Structures are given as structure tokens and as C-alpha cells.
Amino acid sequence: MTGRQVLDQDEIRRALSRIAHEILERNRGAQDVVLLGVHTRGVPLAHRLAGLMQEFEGVPVPVGTVDIALYRDDLAKRPLRPEVRGTHLPVNLNGSVAVLVDDVLYTGRTVRAALDAIADYGRPQKVQLAELVDRGHRELPIRADYVGKNLPTAIDEEVLVRLNEVDEEEGVWIVAPNDDGLATRSRDSSLRSE
């Protein structure tokens, strides 16, 4: 892998453990919490967080998935049709504490789309945001409640998150614009730009 590695597998595990504890502390346990992973890499991150929260509290935490493909504000600009993976909610969201989980927070547009998607399925009591990496450069007034790593980046750099469940390797890298690592970009947006 080219680029500069900023998190390895152990550091990702520690960051998720910290986030899991913070979610439990802020919500006084896991009773009404539902984790909603944003496709693609937010889904395995949400499952990992749920496992950690169950380990800490002894209570299972429901995990759902949120597909933002049809809620994006740049559909007209994209040359290809979006890949629709579907939204799956294991419980009714009304009155719950819905925690959106994703890999990289950048412009905020992915989060805006996820909020629109959630609104079509119910009205949670609260919506919180957990991100593995916050790289800055926001275009919308969105801030994560839980962040594994604040990662200052240049606007022309990319943050590449790889997870074993999706990519069969694990880590977070910063890739410069002229770096050969850009050739590893996969169709399912392993390089997150939003």
C-alpha cells in the first residue's frame, strides 16, 4: 500500500473501543441505542462497535444499515447509476437514539444524505454521529459526536480506509494526489471524498 499509514489494525481497535465507551457514557447505557452503519465501511464498523458495547454492558445493541445512494446531492453529476444496497433497520427508530456510523467525515454531504434517509424511516429521539476519522474541510455545518482520530489533511489528499471485512486488509492511509495508491481505488468508494 502506498501513502502514509496513520492507523494500523490495533489503533483502529483502540479507537473503536474508546468510541464504544463514549456512546455508552453519553447515553447512560445501551438501552435505546441503535447503531446505523452507512454503506460500505460504516457497516462493519457499526458491527464492531455493537460487539464492544455488548462486551462492556452485557446487552445486545441492534445494528442496521443505511444506504444513501439515492439521497446524494450529486446524482446528476455522476456518470454511473448509483449502486443501491438497501437500508435495513432491525427496530423501529421512533424514540430511539440512532447513532450513524461511518469511516471518514469530510464535507458532511454523506451525513446529510444519511439524515435524509433516516427521516424516511422514522423519528429518532436523537441522532448522533460516530466517525472513525474526521479529516476536516467541511462544506456543511456537521460535527461528529464521536471521533476515533482527527486527521488534518490537505484538500487534495485522500483518506483511504481499508477494513478486513471489505478489503481483506486493515488500516488508514493518507494518499497524496500523485501517489500510486490512487490506482487501488475500488468501485465501492474505498477512497471516501465526503
N, C-alpha and C. Protein backbone atom coordinates (compact mmCIF):
# COMPACT_ATOMS: atom_id res chain seq x y z
N MET A 1 0.85 -1.19 0.00
CA MET A 1 0.00 0.00 0.00
C MET A 1 0.89 1.23 0.00
N THR A 2 0.65 2.14 -0.92
CA THR A 2 1.40 3.40 -0.94
C THR A 2 0.63 4.43 -0.15
N GLY A 3 1.30 5.49 0.17
CA GLY A 3 0.71 6.51 1.02
C GLY A 3 1.29 6.39 2.42
N ARG A 4 0.87 7.29 3.28
CA ARG A 4 1.38 7.31 4.66
C ARG A 4 0.33 6.69 5.57
N GLN A 5 0.68 5.59 6.24
CA GLN A 5 -0.27 4.95 7.13
C GLN A 5 -0.38 5.75 8.42
N VAL A 6 -1.63 6.04 8.83
CA VAL A 6 -1.86 6.83 10.04
C VAL A 6 -2.54 6.02 11.14
N LEU A 7 -3.18 4.91 10.78
CA LEU A 7 -3.76 4.00 11.77
C LEU A 7 -3.52 2.57 11.31
N ASP A 8 -3.09 1.72 12.23
CA ASP A 8 -2.98 0.30 11.92
C ASP A 8 -4.15 -0.44 12.58
N GLN A 9 -4.17 -1.75 12.48
CA GLN A 9 -5.29 -2.54 12.99
C GLN A 9 -5.49 -2.34 14.49
N ASP A 10 -4.40 -2.35 15.27
CA ASP A 10 -4.52 -2.16 16.72
C ASP A 10 -5.03 -0.77 17.07
N GLU A 11 -4.57 0.23 16.34
CA GLU A 11 -5.03 1.60 16.61
C GLU A 11 -6.50 1.77 16.25
N ILE A 12 -6.97 1.11 15.20
CA ILE A 12 -8.40 1.14 14.86
C ILE A 12 -9.21 0.48 15.97
N ARG A 13 -8.73 -0.65 16.47
CA ARG A 13 -9.43 -1.35 17.55
C ARG A 13 -9.53 -0.47 18.79
N ARG A 14 -8.43 0.19 19.15
CA ARG A 14 -8.45 1.07 20.32
C ARG A 14 -9.38 2.26 20.12
N ALA A 15 -9.37 2.83 18.92
CA ALA A 15 -10.26 3.97 18.63
C ALA A 15 -11.72 3.54 18.75
N LEU A 16 -12.06 2.37 18.23
CA LEU A 16 -13.45 1.89 18.32
C LEU A 16 -13.84 1.57 19.75
N SER A 17 -12.91 1.05 20.52
CA SER A 17 -13.18 0.78 21.93
C SER A 17 -13.49 2.07 22.68
N ARG A 18 -12.73 3.12 22.40
CA ARG A 18 -12.96 4.43 23.02
C ARG A 18 -14.32 4.99 22.62
N ILE A 19 -14.65 4.88 21.32
CA ILE A 19 -15.95 5.37 20.84
C ILE A 19 -17.09 4.61 21.50
N ALA A 20 -16.95 3.29 21.62
CA ALA A 20 -18.00 2.48 22.25
C ALA A 20 -18.24 2.94 23.69
N HIS A 21 -17.16 3.16 24.44
CA HIS A 21 -17.30 3.66 25.82
C HIS A 21 -17.98 5.02 25.84
N GLU A 22 -17.59 5.91 24.93
CA GLU A 22 -18.18 7.25 24.90
C GLU A 22 -19.68 7.20 24.58
N ILE A 23 -20.09 6.35 23.66
CA ILE A 23 -21.51 6.21 23.33
C ILE A 23 -22.27 5.74 24.56
N LEU A 24 -21.74 4.74 25.27
CA LEU A 24 -22.41 4.23 26.46
C LEU A 24 -22.48 5.28 27.56
N GLU A 25 -21.41 6.04 27.74
CA GLU A 25 -21.41 7.08 28.77
C GLU A 25 -22.42 8.17 28.45
N ARG A 26 -22.40 8.67 27.23
CA ARG A 26 -23.28 9.78 26.87
C ARG A 26 -24.75 9.39 26.95
N ASN A 27 -25.06 8.12 26.64
CA ASN A 27 -26.45 7.68 26.61
C ASN A 27 -26.86 6.87 27.83
N ARG A 28 -26.00 6.87 28.85
CA ARG A 28 -26.25 6.15 30.10
C ARG A 28 -26.62 4.69 29.86
N GLY A 29 -25.81 4.05 29.05
CA GLY A 29 -26.03 2.65 28.72
C GLY A 29 -26.47 2.49 27.28
N ALA A 30 -26.89 1.26 26.95
CA ALA A 30 -27.21 0.93 25.57
C ALA A 30 -28.69 0.69 25.33
N GLN A 31 -29.52 0.99 26.31
CA GLN A 31 -30.92 0.58 26.27
C GLN A 31 -31.67 1.02 25.00
N ASP A 32 -31.59 2.27 24.61
CA ASP A 32 -32.35 2.75 23.44
C ASP A 32 -31.47 3.00 22.22
N VAL A 33 -30.21 2.58 22.27
CA VAL A 33 -29.26 2.87 21.19
C VAL A 33 -29.43 1.89 20.04
N VAL A 34 -29.44 2.43 18.82
CA VAL A 34 -29.42 1.65 17.59
C VAL A 34 -28.25 2.18 16.77
N LEU A 35 -27.36 1.30 16.35
CA LEU A 35 -26.24 1.71 15.51
C LEU A 35 -26.63 1.52 14.05
N LEU A 36 -26.39 2.55 13.23
CA LEU A 36 -26.74 2.51 11.81
C LEU A 36 -25.49 2.75 10.98
N GLY A 37 -24.97 1.69 10.38
CA GLY A 37 -23.77 1.79 9.56
C GLY A 37 -24.10 2.29 8.17
N VAL A 38 -23.36 3.29 7.71
CA VAL A 38 -23.53 3.83 6.37
C VAL A 38 -22.71 2.96 5.42
N HIS A 39 -23.36 2.44 4.37
CA HIS A 39 -22.64 1.59 3.40
C HIS A 39 -21.46 2.36 2.83
N THR A 40 -20.31 1.86 2.71
CA THR A 40 -19.90 0.48 2.78
C THR A 40 -19.17 0.21 4.09
N ARG A 41 -18.17 0.97 4.41
CA ARG A 41 -17.34 0.65 5.56
C ARG A 41 -17.94 1.02 6.91
N GLY A 42 -18.98 1.83 6.91
CA GLY A 42 -19.67 2.11 8.16
C GLY A 42 -20.39 0.89 8.72
N VAL A 43 -20.75 -0.04 7.85
CA VAL A 43 -21.48 -1.24 8.30
C VAL A 43 -20.60 -2.13 9.17
N PRO A 44 -19.40 -2.55 8.71
CA PRO A 44 -18.59 -3.36 9.62
C PRO A 44 -18.14 -2.59 10.87
N LEU A 45 -17.94 -1.29 10.75
CA LEU A 45 -17.59 -0.50 11.93
C LEU A 45 -18.73 -0.52 12.94
N ALA A 46 -19.97 -0.41 12.48
CA ALA A 46 -21.13 -0.46 13.39
C ALA A 46 -21.22 -1.82 14.07
N HIS A 47 -20.97 -2.88 13.33
CA HIS A 47 -21.00 -4.22 13.93
C HIS A 47 -19.90 -4.38 14.98
N ARG A 48 -18.73 -3.85 14.70
CA ARG A 48 -17.64 -3.92 15.68
C ARG A 48 -18.01 -3.14 16.95
N LEU A 49 -18.57 -1.94 16.76
CA LEU A 49 -18.98 -1.14 17.92
C LEU A 49 -20.04 -1.87 18.74
N ALA A 50 -21.00 -2.49 18.07
CA ALA A 50 -22.06 -3.22 18.77
C ALA A 50 -21.46 -4.37 19.60
N GLY A 51 -20.48 -5.07 19.02
CA GLY A 51 -19.83 -6.15 19.75
C GLY A 51 -19.11 -5.64 20.99
N LEU A 52 -18.42 -4.52 20.86
CA LEU A 52 -17.72 -3.94 22.00
C LEU A 52 -18.71 -3.46 23.07
N MET A 53 -19.79 -2.81 22.64
CA MET A 53 -20.78 -2.32 23.59
C MET A 53 -21.44 -3.48 24.33
N GLN A 54 -21.71 -4.57 23.64
CA GLN A 54 -22.28 -5.75 24.31
C GLN A 54 -21.27 -6.33 25.29
N GLU A 55 -20.02 -6.35 24.90
CA GLU A 55 -18.97 -6.84 25.81
C GLU A 55 -18.91 -6.00 27.07
N PHE A 56 -19.02 -4.67 26.94
CA PHE A 56 -18.92 -3.78 28.09
C PHE A 56 -20.18 -3.78 28.95
N GLU A 57 -21.36 -3.86 28.32
CA GLU A 57 -22.63 -3.71 29.03
C GLU A 57 -23.39 -5.01 29.24
N GLY A 58 -23.06 -6.04 28.44
CA GLY A 58 -23.79 -7.29 28.54
C GLY A 58 -25.17 -7.24 27.90
N VAL A 59 -25.41 -6.23 27.07
CA VAL A 59 -26.71 -6.04 26.41
C VAL A 59 -26.48 -5.99 24.91
N PRO A 60 -27.24 -6.76 24.12
CA PRO A 60 -27.06 -6.66 22.67
C PRO A 60 -27.53 -5.30 22.15
N VAL A 61 -26.80 -4.77 21.17
CA VAL A 61 -27.15 -3.48 20.58
C VAL A 61 -27.54 -3.74 19.12
N PRO A 62 -28.77 -3.33 18.72
CA PRO A 62 -29.19 -3.56 17.34
C PRO A 62 -28.36 -2.76 16.35
N VAL A 63 -28.09 -3.38 15.19
CA VAL A 63 -27.30 -2.75 14.14
C VAL A 63 -28.10 -2.78 12.85
N GLY A 64 -28.23 -1.62 12.22
CA GLY A 64 -28.89 -1.52 10.92
C GLY A 64 -27.93 -0.95 9.90
N THR A 65 -28.40 -0.87 8.67
CA THR A 65 -27.59 -0.30 7.59
C THR A 65 -28.38 0.81 6.91
N VAL A 66 -27.67 1.83 6.46
CA VAL A 66 -28.28 2.96 5.78
C VAL A 66 -27.63 3.09 4.41
N ASP A 67 -28.47 3.08 3.39
CA ASP A 67 -28.00 3.27 2.02
C ASP A 67 -28.34 4.68 1.59
N ILE A 68 -27.31 5.45 1.24
CA ILE A 68 -27.53 6.86 0.87
C ILE A 68 -27.50 7.07 -0.63
N ALA A 69 -27.39 6.00 -1.41
CA ALA A 69 -27.18 6.12 -2.86
C ALA A 69 -28.19 7.04 -3.53
N LEU A 70 -29.44 6.95 -3.17
CA LEU A 70 -30.47 7.76 -3.83
C LEU A 70 -30.74 9.09 -3.11
N TYR A 71 -30.00 9.36 -2.05
CA TYR A 71 -30.17 10.60 -1.30
C TYR A 71 -29.03 11.58 -1.53
N ARG A 72 -28.07 11.21 -2.34
CA ARG A 72 -26.92 12.07 -2.60
C ARG A 72 -27.35 13.32 -3.36
N ASP A 73 -26.66 14.43 -3.13
CA ASP A 73 -27.00 15.68 -3.82
C ASP A 73 -26.20 15.86 -5.11
N ASP A 74 -25.42 14.84 -5.49
CA ASP A 74 -24.62 14.94 -6.70
C ASP A 74 -24.99 13.86 -7.73
N LEU A 75 -26.19 13.31 -7.64
CA LEU A 75 -26.59 12.24 -8.56
C LEU A 75 -26.49 12.67 -10.02
N ALA A 76 -26.87 13.89 -10.32
CA ALA A 76 -26.85 14.37 -11.70
C ALA A 76 -25.42 14.50 -12.24
N LYS A 77 -24.45 14.68 -11.35
CA LYS A 77 -23.06 14.86 -11.78
C LYS A 77 -22.33 13.54 -11.98
N ARG A 78 -22.89 12.44 -11.47
CA ARG A 78 -22.21 11.14 -11.55
C ARG A 78 -22.54 10.45 -12.85
N PRO A 79 -21.51 9.93 -13.53
CA PRO A 79 -21.74 9.30 -14.83
C PRO A 79 -22.42 7.93 -14.73
N LEU A 80 -22.24 7.24 -13.63
CA LEU A 80 -22.80 5.90 -13.48
C LEU A 80 -24.01 5.92 -12.57
N ARG A 81 -24.89 4.96 -12.76
CA ARG A 81 -26.02 4.81 -11.84
C ARG A 81 -25.50 4.40 -10.47
N PRO A 82 -26.10 4.91 -9.42
CA PRO A 82 -25.63 4.52 -8.09
C PRO A 82 -25.96 3.07 -7.81
N GLU A 83 -25.06 2.41 -7.07
CA GLU A 83 -25.32 1.04 -6.64
C GLU A 83 -26.18 1.10 -5.38
N VAL A 84 -27.38 0.57 -5.47
CA VAL A 84 -28.31 0.60 -4.35
C VAL A 84 -28.16 -0.69 -3.56
N ARG A 85 -27.83 -0.56 -2.28
CA ARG A 85 -27.62 -1.73 -1.43
C ARG A 85 -28.77 -1.94 -0.46
N GLY A 86 -29.57 -0.94 -0.27
CA GLY A 86 -30.73 -1.07 0.61
C GLY A 86 -30.44 -0.66 2.04
N THR A 87 -31.50 -0.18 2.67
CA THR A 87 -31.45 0.19 4.08
C THR A 87 -32.15 -0.91 4.85
N HIS A 88 -31.53 -1.33 5.94
CA HIS A 88 -32.13 -2.36 6.81
C HIS A 88 -32.15 -1.82 8.23
N LEU A 89 -33.33 -1.76 8.82
CA LEU A 89 -33.46 -1.30 10.20
C LEU A 89 -34.00 -2.44 11.05
N PRO A 90 -33.25 -2.87 12.07
CA PRO A 90 -33.65 -4.01 12.88
C PRO A 90 -34.77 -3.70 13.88
N VAL A 91 -34.98 -2.41 14.16
CA VAL A 91 -36.01 -1.98 15.11
C VAL A 91 -36.65 -0.70 14.59
N ASN A 92 -37.77 -0.34 15.16
CA ASN A 92 -38.43 0.92 14.86
C ASN A 92 -37.55 2.05 15.42
N LEU A 93 -37.28 3.05 14.60
CA LEU A 93 -36.41 4.15 15.03
C LEU A 93 -37.11 5.16 15.94
N ASN A 94 -38.42 5.19 15.94
CA ASN A 94 -39.15 6.18 16.73
C ASN A 94 -38.76 6.09 18.20
N GLY A 95 -38.29 7.21 18.75
CA GLY A 95 -37.91 7.28 20.15
C GLY A 95 -36.55 6.72 20.48
N SER A 96 -35.83 6.20 19.51
CA SER A 96 -34.52 5.60 19.77
C SER A 96 -33.42 6.67 19.75
N VAL A 97 -32.23 6.25 20.13
CA VAL A 97 -31.02 7.04 19.94
C VAL A 97 -30.30 6.39 18.76
N ALA A 98 -30.41 6.98 17.60
CA ALA A 98 -29.80 6.43 16.40
C ALA A 98 -28.39 6.99 16.26
N VAL A 99 -27.41 6.11 16.23
CA VAL A 99 -26.02 6.54 16.07
C VAL A 99 -25.58 6.14 14.67
N LEU A 100 -25.40 7.13 13.80
CA LEU A 100 -24.87 6.90 12.46
C LEU A 100 -23.38 6.59 12.59
N VAL A 101 -22.93 5.56 11.89
CA VAL A 101 -21.52 5.16 11.95
C VAL A 101 -20.96 5.15 10.53
N ASP A 102 -19.83 5.84 10.34
CA ASP A 102 -19.18 5.85 9.03
C ASP A 102 -17.67 5.90 9.22
N ASP A 103 -16.94 5.75 8.12
CA ASP A 103 -15.49 5.67 8.23
C ASP A 103 -14.81 7.04 8.21
N VAL A 104 -15.17 7.93 7.28
CA VAL A 104 -14.48 9.22 7.15
C VAL A 104 -15.49 10.35 7.04
N LEU A 105 -15.31 11.37 7.86
CA LEU A 105 -16.11 12.59 7.77
C LEU A 105 -15.26 13.63 7.05
N TYR A 106 -15.81 14.15 5.95
CA TYR A 106 -15.08 15.12 5.13
C TYR A 106 -15.98 16.33 4.93
N THR A 107 -16.69 16.42 3.82
CA THR A 107 -17.50 17.60 3.52
C THR A 107 -18.78 17.65 4.35
N GLY A 108 -19.28 16.50 4.77
CA GLY A 108 -20.54 16.43 5.51
C GLY A 108 -21.71 16.02 4.64
N ARG A 109 -21.50 15.89 3.35
CA ARG A 109 -22.61 15.57 2.45
C ARG A 109 -23.12 14.15 2.61
N THR A 110 -22.25 13.21 2.93
CA THR A 110 -22.70 11.84 3.19
C THR A 110 -23.61 11.81 4.42
N VAL A 111 -23.24 12.54 5.45
CA VAL A 111 -24.05 12.60 6.66
C VAL A 111 -25.40 13.24 6.37
N ARG A 112 -25.42 14.33 5.59
CA ARG A 112 -26.68 14.96 5.23
C ARG A 112 -27.59 13.97 4.51
N ALA A 113 -27.03 13.21 3.59
CA ALA A 113 -27.81 12.21 2.86
C ALA A 113 -28.32 11.12 3.80
N ALA A 114 -27.49 10.70 4.75
CA ALA A 114 -27.91 9.68 5.71
C ALA A 114 -29.04 10.19 6.61
N LEU A 115 -28.98 11.45 7.00
CA LEU A 115 -30.06 12.03 7.80
C LEU A 115 -31.37 12.06 7.02
N ASP A 116 -31.29 12.39 5.73
CA ASP A 116 -32.49 12.35 4.89
C ASP A 116 -33.05 10.94 4.80
N ALA A 117 -32.18 9.96 4.65
CA ALA A 117 -32.62 8.57 4.55
C ALA A 117 -33.30 8.13 5.85
N ILE A 118 -32.70 8.45 6.98
CA ILE A 118 -33.30 8.08 8.27
C ILE A 118 -34.67 8.71 8.45
N ALA A 119 -34.83 9.95 8.02
CA ALA A 119 -36.11 10.65 8.18
C ALA A 119 -37.24 9.92 7.44
N ASP A 120 -36.92 9.18 6.40
CA ASP A 120 -37.94 8.42 5.68
C ASP A 120 -38.40 7.19 6.45
N TYR A 121 -37.67 6.79 7.49
CA TYR A 121 -37.98 5.56 8.21
C TYR A 121 -38.48 5.79 9.63
N GLY A 122 -38.46 7.00 10.12
CA GLY A 122 -38.94 7.23 11.47
C GLY A 122 -38.34 8.49 12.06
N ARG A 123 -38.68 8.70 13.33
CA ARG A 123 -38.21 9.90 14.03
C ARG A 123 -37.52 9.49 15.33
N PRO A 124 -36.20 9.32 15.27
CA PRO A 124 -35.47 9.00 16.49
C PRO A 124 -35.56 10.15 17.49
N GLN A 125 -35.42 9.82 18.76
CA GLN A 125 -35.36 10.84 19.80
C GLN A 125 -34.13 11.72 19.59
N LYS A 126 -33.01 11.07 19.23
CA LYS A 126 -31.75 11.76 18.95
C LYS A 126 -31.05 11.04 17.82
N VAL A 127 -30.26 11.79 17.07
CA VAL A 127 -29.35 11.19 16.09
C VAL A 127 -27.95 11.69 16.44
N GLN A 128 -27.03 10.74 16.61
CA GLN A 128 -25.65 11.06 16.90
C GLN A 128 -24.78 10.51 15.77
N LEU A 129 -23.55 11.01 15.69
CA LEU A 129 -22.66 10.64 14.61
C LEU A 129 -21.34 10.13 15.17
N ALA A 130 -20.94 8.92 14.73
CA ALA A 130 -19.66 8.33 15.10
C ALA A 130 -18.84 8.12 13.82
N GLU A 131 -17.63 8.65 13.80
CA GLU A 131 -16.75 8.55 12.64
C GLU A 131 -15.40 8.00 13.07
N LEU A 132 -14.86 7.08 12.29
CA LEU A 132 -13.52 6.58 12.58
C LEU A 132 -12.50 7.70 12.41
N VAL A 133 -12.65 8.48 11.32
CA VAL A 133 -11.70 9.56 11.01
C VAL A 133 -12.47 10.82 10.66
N ASP A 134 -12.04 11.95 11.22
CA ASP A 134 -12.54 13.27 10.81
C ASP A 134 -11.36 13.99 10.17
N ARG A 135 -11.48 14.24 8.86
CA ARG A 135 -10.36 14.85 8.14
C ARG A 135 -10.54 16.35 7.90
N GLY A 136 -11.64 16.93 8.39
CA GLY A 136 -11.85 18.37 8.21
C GLY A 136 -12.39 18.72 6.84
N HIS A 137 -12.33 20.00 6.49
CA HIS A 137 -12.75 20.53 5.19
C HIS A 137 -14.27 20.45 5.00
N ARG A 138 -15.04 20.76 6.02
CA ARG A 138 -16.49 20.67 5.96
C ARG A 138 -17.08 21.68 5.00
N GLU A 139 -18.11 21.28 4.28
CA GLU A 139 -18.91 22.16 3.43
C GLU A 139 -20.29 22.40 4.03
N LEU A 140 -20.67 21.58 4.99
CA LEU A 140 -21.95 21.70 5.67
C LEU A 140 -21.69 21.78 7.18
N PRO A 141 -22.59 22.41 7.94
CA PRO A 141 -22.36 22.57 9.37
C PRO A 141 -22.66 21.28 10.14
N ILE A 142 -21.78 20.31 9.99
CA ILE A 142 -21.96 18.99 10.61
C ILE A 142 -20.72 18.68 11.42
N ARG A 143 -20.93 18.15 12.63
CA ARG A 143 -19.82 17.78 13.50
C ARG A 143 -20.11 16.42 14.12
N ALA A 144 -19.11 15.56 14.18
CA ALA A 144 -19.28 14.23 14.76
C ALA A 144 -19.34 14.32 16.28
N ASP A 145 -20.17 13.46 16.88
CA ASP A 145 -20.23 13.35 18.34
C ASP A 145 -19.08 12.50 18.86
N TYR A 146 -18.67 11.51 18.06
CA TYR A 146 -17.63 10.57 18.46
C TYR A 146 -16.65 10.43 17.30
N VAL A 147 -15.36 10.62 17.58
CA VAL A 147 -14.34 10.55 16.53
C VAL A 147 -13.19 9.68 17.02
N GLY A 148 -12.80 8.72 16.20
CA GLY A 148 -11.66 7.88 16.54
C GLY A 148 -10.35 8.61 16.38
N LYS A 149 -10.21 9.40 15.30
CA LYS A 149 -8.96 10.12 15.03
C LYS A 149 -9.27 11.37 14.23
N ASN A 150 -8.88 12.53 14.76
CA ASN A 150 -8.91 13.77 13.98
C ASN A 150 -7.63 13.78 13.15
N LEU A 151 -7.81 13.95 11.85
CA LEU A 151 -6.70 13.78 10.93
C LEU A 151 -6.63 14.97 9.99
N PRO A 152 -5.79 15.98 10.32
CA PRO A 152 -5.66 17.12 9.42
C PRO A 152 -5.10 16.66 8.07
N THR A 153 -5.75 17.07 7.00
CA THR A 153 -5.30 16.69 5.66
C THR A 153 -5.32 17.92 4.76
N ALA A 154 -4.56 17.83 3.69
CA ALA A 154 -4.65 18.84 2.64
C ALA A 154 -5.89 18.54 1.81
N ILE A 155 -6.45 19.54 1.20
CA ILE A 155 -7.69 19.38 0.43
C ILE A 155 -7.51 18.41 -0.73
N ASP A 156 -6.28 18.32 -1.29
CA ASP A 156 -6.06 17.45 -2.45
C ASP A 156 -5.62 16.03 -2.06
N GLU A 157 -5.50 15.76 -0.77
CA GLU A 157 -5.17 14.41 -0.33
C GLU A 157 -6.44 13.58 -0.19
N GLU A 158 -6.27 12.26 -0.19
CA GLU A 158 -7.39 11.34 0.03
C GLU A 158 -7.10 10.55 1.29
N VAL A 159 -8.16 10.15 1.98
CA VAL A 159 -8.02 9.26 3.12
C VAL A 159 -8.57 7.91 2.70
N LEU A 160 -7.72 6.90 2.77
CA LEU A 160 -8.06 5.55 2.36
C LEU A 160 -8.24 4.69 3.61
N VAL A 161 -9.46 4.20 3.81
CA VAL A 161 -9.75 3.30 4.92
C VAL A 161 -9.93 1.91 4.34
N ARG A 162 -9.22 0.96 4.90
CA ARG A 162 -9.35 -0.44 4.48
C ARG A 162 -9.71 -1.25 5.72
N LEU A 163 -10.74 -2.09 5.59
CA LEU A 163 -11.18 -2.93 6.70
C LEU A 163 -11.18 -4.38 6.26
N ASN A 164 -10.79 -5.26 7.15
CA ASN A 164 -10.69 -6.68 6.81
C ASN A 164 -11.98 -7.24 6.22
N GLU A 165 -13.13 -6.84 6.75
CA GLU A 165 -14.41 -7.39 6.30
C GLU A 165 -14.71 -7.05 4.84
N VAL A 166 -14.18 -5.94 4.36
CA VAL A 166 -14.46 -5.47 3.00
C VAL A 166 -13.25 -5.64 2.09
N ASP A 167 -12.07 -5.35 2.61
CA ASP A 167 -10.87 -5.21 1.78
C ASP A 167 -9.80 -6.28 2.02
N GLU A 168 -10.00 -7.11 3.04
CA GLU A 168 -9.03 -8.14 3.42
C GLU A 168 -7.68 -7.57 3.82
N GLU A 169 -7.67 -6.33 4.27
CA GLU A 169 -6.52 -5.69 4.91
C GLU A 169 -7.07 -4.58 5.78
N GLU A 170 -6.25 -4.10 6.71
CA GLU A 170 -6.75 -3.17 7.70
C GLU A 170 -5.80 -2.01 7.89
N GLY A 171 -6.34 -0.80 7.90
CA GLY A 171 -5.54 0.38 8.18
C GLY A 171 -6.17 1.62 7.58
N VAL A 172 -5.57 2.75 7.91
CA VAL A 172 -5.98 4.04 7.36
C VAL A 172 -4.73 4.71 6.83
N TRP A 173 -4.81 5.21 5.60
CA TRP A 173 -3.69 5.86 4.94
C TRP A 173 -4.10 7.22 4.41
N ILE A 174 -3.14 8.14 4.37
CA ILE A 174 -3.30 9.39 3.63
C ILE A 174 -2.55 9.20 2.33
N VAL A 175 -3.26 9.45 1.23
CA VAL A 175 -2.69 9.25 -0.09
C VAL A 175 -2.61 10.61 -0.78
N ALA A 176 -1.40 10.97 -1.22
CA ALA A 176 -1.19 12.24 -1.94
C ALA A 176 -1.74 12.12 -3.35
N PRO A 177 -2.06 13.24 -3.99
CA PRO A 177 -2.69 13.19 -5.31
C PRO A 177 -1.88 12.49 -6.39
N ASN A 178 -0.59 12.50 -6.32
CA ASN A 178 0.24 11.87 -7.34
C ASN A 178 0.77 10.51 -6.89
N ASP A 179 0.24 10.00 -5.80
CA ASP A 179 0.68 8.73 -5.23
C ASP A 179 0.09 7.57 -6.03
N ASP A 180 0.87 6.53 -6.23
CA ASP A 180 0.38 5.34 -6.94
C ASP A 180 -0.76 4.66 -6.20
N GLY A 181 -0.94 4.96 -4.92
CA GLY A 181 -2.02 4.36 -4.15
C GLY A 181 -3.39 4.67 -4.70
N LEU A 182 -3.51 5.75 -5.48
CA LEU A 182 -4.80 6.06 -6.08
C LEU A 182 -5.25 5.00 -7.06
N ALA A 183 -4.32 4.23 -7.59
CA ALA A 183 -4.68 3.16 -8.51
C ALA A 183 -5.44 2.05 -7.80
N THR A 184 -5.36 2.02 -6.47
CA THR A 184 -6.05 0.97 -5.72
C THR A 184 -7.50 1.34 -5.43
N ARG A 185 -7.93 2.48 -5.90
CA ARG A 185 -9.30 2.93 -5.65
C ARG A 185 -10.29 1.90 -6.17
N SER A 186 -11.20 1.49 -5.33
CA SER A 186 -12.18 0.47 -5.75
C SER A 186 -13.50 1.12 -6.11
N ARG A 187 -14.32 0.39 -6.80
CA ARG A 187 -15.61 0.92 -7.24
C ARG A 187 -16.53 1.30 -6.10
N ASP A 188 -16.41 0.64 -4.98
CA ASP A 188 -17.34 0.92 -3.88
C ASP A 188 -16.84 2.04 -2.99
N SER A 189 -16.07 2.92 -3.54
CA SER A 189 -15.61 4.15 -2.88
C SER A 189 -14.79 3.89 -1.63
N SER A 190 -13.75 3.08 -1.77
CA SER A 190 -12.86 2.89 -0.63
C SER A 190 -12.11 4.17 -0.33
N LEU A 191 -12.01 5.06 -1.31
CA LEU A 191 -11.49 6.39 -1.04
C LEU A 191 -12.69 7.29 -0.82
N ARG A 192 -12.90 7.70 0.41
CA ARG A 192 -14.07 8.48 0.74
C ARG A 192 -13.79 9.95 0.48
N SER A 193 -14.66 10.61 -0.22
CA SER A 193 -14.44 12.01 -0.52
C SER A 193 -15.50 12.90 0.12
N GLU A 194 -16.36 12.30 0.95
CA GLU A 194 -17.37 13.15 1.55
C GLU A 194 -17.56 12.78 2.99
